[in-house]
């Protein structure tokens, strides 16, 4: 199991690089099963992260990005 603070730093790095992150991305790239919790942690640090709900193949999930950074 990865350390939540390490996951937060990896997620923040990619968000700042303009990537939008989904829960599947988080699992594949950071070993993070609880992306929503890590996003909450980052927001508690004052980082302004945007989100939206998307549906693909009948499944709903959140997508997170930093405004002005997503491609």
C-alpha atoms as a PDB file:
ATOM      1  CA  UNK A   1       0.000   0.000   0.000  1.00  0.00           C
ATOM      2  CA  UNK A   2       1.339   3.414  -0.973  1.00  0.00           C
ATOM      3  CA  UNK A   3       1.701   6.228   1.521  1.00  0.00           C
ATOM      4  CA  UNK A   4      -1.144   8.787   1.137  1.00  0.00           C
ATOM      5  CA  UNK A   5       1.306  11.712   1.253  1.00  0.00           C
ATOM      6  CA  UNK A   6       3.329  10.162  -1.586  1.00  0.00           C
ATOM      7  CA  UNK A   7       0.131   9.626  -3.570  1.00  0.00           C
ATOM      8  CA  UNK A   8      -0.871  13.248  -2.969  1.00  0.00           C
ATOM      9  CA  UNK A   9       2.466  14.537  -4.218  1.00  0.00           C
ATOM     10  CA  UNK A  10       2.300  12.354  -7.343  1.00  0.00           C
ATOM     11  CA  UNK A  11      -1.293  13.375  -8.067  1.00  0.00           C
ATOM     12  CA  UNK A  12      -0.506  17.062  -7.524  1.00  0.00           C
ATOM     13  CA  UNK A  13       2.534  16.845  -9.800  1.00  0.00           C
ATOM     14  CA  UNK A  14       0.429  15.457 -12.641  1.00  0.00           C
ATOM     15  CA  UNK A  15      -2.430  17.913 -12.052  1.00  0.00           C
ATOM     16  CA  UNK A  16       0.057  20.784 -12.228  1.00  0.00           C
ATOM     17  CA  UNK A  17       1.369  19.355 -15.505  1.00  0.00           C
ATOM     18  CA  UNK A  18      -2.112  19.785 -16.951  1.00  0.00           C
ATOM     19  CA  UNK A  19      -3.351  16.224 -16.678  1.00  0.00           C
ATOM     20  CA  UNK A  20      -6.941  15.387 -15.835  1.00  0.00           C
ATOM     21  CA  UNK A  21      -7.106  12.388 -13.498  1.00  0.00           C
ATOM     22  CA  UNK A  22      -9.782   9.711 -13.131  1.00  0.00           C
ATOM     23  CA  UNK A  23     -10.008   7.015 -10.465  1.00  0.00           C
ATOM     24  CA  UNK A  24      -8.738   4.455 -12.990  1.00  0.00           C
ATOM     25  CA  UNK A  25      -5.730   6.673 -13.767  1.00  0.00           C
ATOM     26  CA  UNK A  26      -5.026   6.965 -10.046  1.00  0.00           C
ATOM     27  CA  UNK A  27      -5.138   3.210  -9.570  1.00  0.00           C
ATOM     28  CA  UNK A  28      -2.889   2.504 -12.566  1.00  0.00           C
ATOM     29  CA  UNK A  29      -0.379   5.319 -12.032  1.00  0.00           C
ATOM     30  CA  UNK A  30      -0.188   5.741  -8.256  1.00  0.00           C
ATOM     31  CA  UNK A  31      -1.696   2.587  -6.736  1.00  0.00           C
ATOM     32  CA  UNK A  32      -4.402   4.802  -5.254  1.00  0.00           C
ATOM     33  CA  UNK A  33      -7.797   3.212  -4.589  1.00  0.00           C
ATOM     34  CA  UNK A  34      -9.207   6.359  -2.924  1.00  0.00           C
ATOM     35  CA  UNK A  35      -8.653   9.242  -5.328  1.00  0.00           C
ATOM     36  CA  UNK A  36     -11.515  11.234  -3.823  1.00  0.00           C
ATOM     37  CA  UNK A  37      -9.824  11.105  -0.416  1.00  0.00           C
ATOM     38  CA  UNK A  38      -6.490  12.251  -1.842  1.00  0.00           C
ATOM     39  CA  UNK A  39      -8.232  15.111  -3.711  1.00  0.00           C
ATOM     40  CA  UNK A  40      -9.875  16.093  -0.415  1.00  0.00           C
ATOM     41  CA  UNK A  41      -6.440  16.122   1.257  1.00  0.00           C
ATOM     42  CA  UNK A  42      -5.069  18.391  -1.475  1.00  0.00           C
ATOM     43  CA  UNK A  43      -8.056  20.727  -1.250  1.00  0.00           C
ATOM     44  CA  UNK A  44      -7.513  20.974   2.519  1.00  0.00           C
ATOM     45  CA  UNK A  45      -4.036  22.312   1.669  1.00  0.00           C
ATOM     46  CA  UNK A  46      -5.669  25.115  -0.322  1.00  0.00           C
ATOM     47  CA  UNK A  47      -5.183  23.691  -3.804  1.00  0.00           C
ATOM     48  CA  UNK A  48      -8.071  24.605  -6.099  1.00  0.00           C
ATOM     49  CA  UNK A  49      -9.008  21.419  -7.915  1.00  0.00           C
ATOM     50  CA  UNK A  50     -12.015  21.245 -10.225  1.00  0.00           C
ATOM     51  CA  UNK A  51     -14.091  18.147 -10.907  1.00  0.00           C
ATOM     52  CA  UNK A  52     -16.903  16.885 -13.056  1.00  0.00           C
ATOM     53  CA  UNK A  53     -18.844  13.653 -13.327  1.00  0.00           C
ATOM     54  CA  UNK A  54     -18.591  11.719 -16.559  1.00  0.00           C
ATOM     55  CA  UNK A  55     -20.302   8.592 -17.827  1.00  0.00           C
ATOM     56  CA  UNK A  56     -18.614   6.062 -20.075  1.00  0.00           C
ATOM     57  CA  UNK A  57     -19.926   2.605 -20.891  1.00  0.00           C
ATOM     58  CA  UNK A  58     -22.674   3.118 -18.328  1.00  0.00           C
ATOM     59  CA  UNK A  59     -20.251   3.873 -15.469  1.00  0.00           C
ATOM     60  CA  UNK A  60     -20.140   7.231 -13.671  1.00  0.00           C
ATOM     61  CA  UNK A  61     -16.905   8.588 -12.289  1.00  0.00           C
ATOM     62  CA  UNK A  62     -15.258  11.871 -11.352  1.00  0.00           C
ATOM     63  CA  UNK A  63     -12.548  13.607 -13.349  1.00  0.00           C
ATOM     64  CA  UNK A  64     -10.241  16.036 -11.521  1.00  0.00           C
ATOM     65  CA  UNK A  65      -8.037  18.829 -12.889  1.00  0.00           C
ATOM     66  CA  UNK A  66      -6.571  22.189 -11.993  1.00  0.00           C
ATOM     67  CA  UNK A  67      -8.339  24.941 -13.907  1.00  0.00           C
ATOM     68  CA  UNK A  68      -6.308  26.508 -16.643  1.00  0.00           C
ATOM     69  CA  UNK A  69      -3.973  23.500 -16.690  1.00  0.00           C
ATOM     70  CA  UNK A  70      -6.009  20.748 -18.373  1.00  0.00           C
ATOM     71  CA  UNK A  71      -5.296  20.191 -22.029  1.00  0.00           C
END
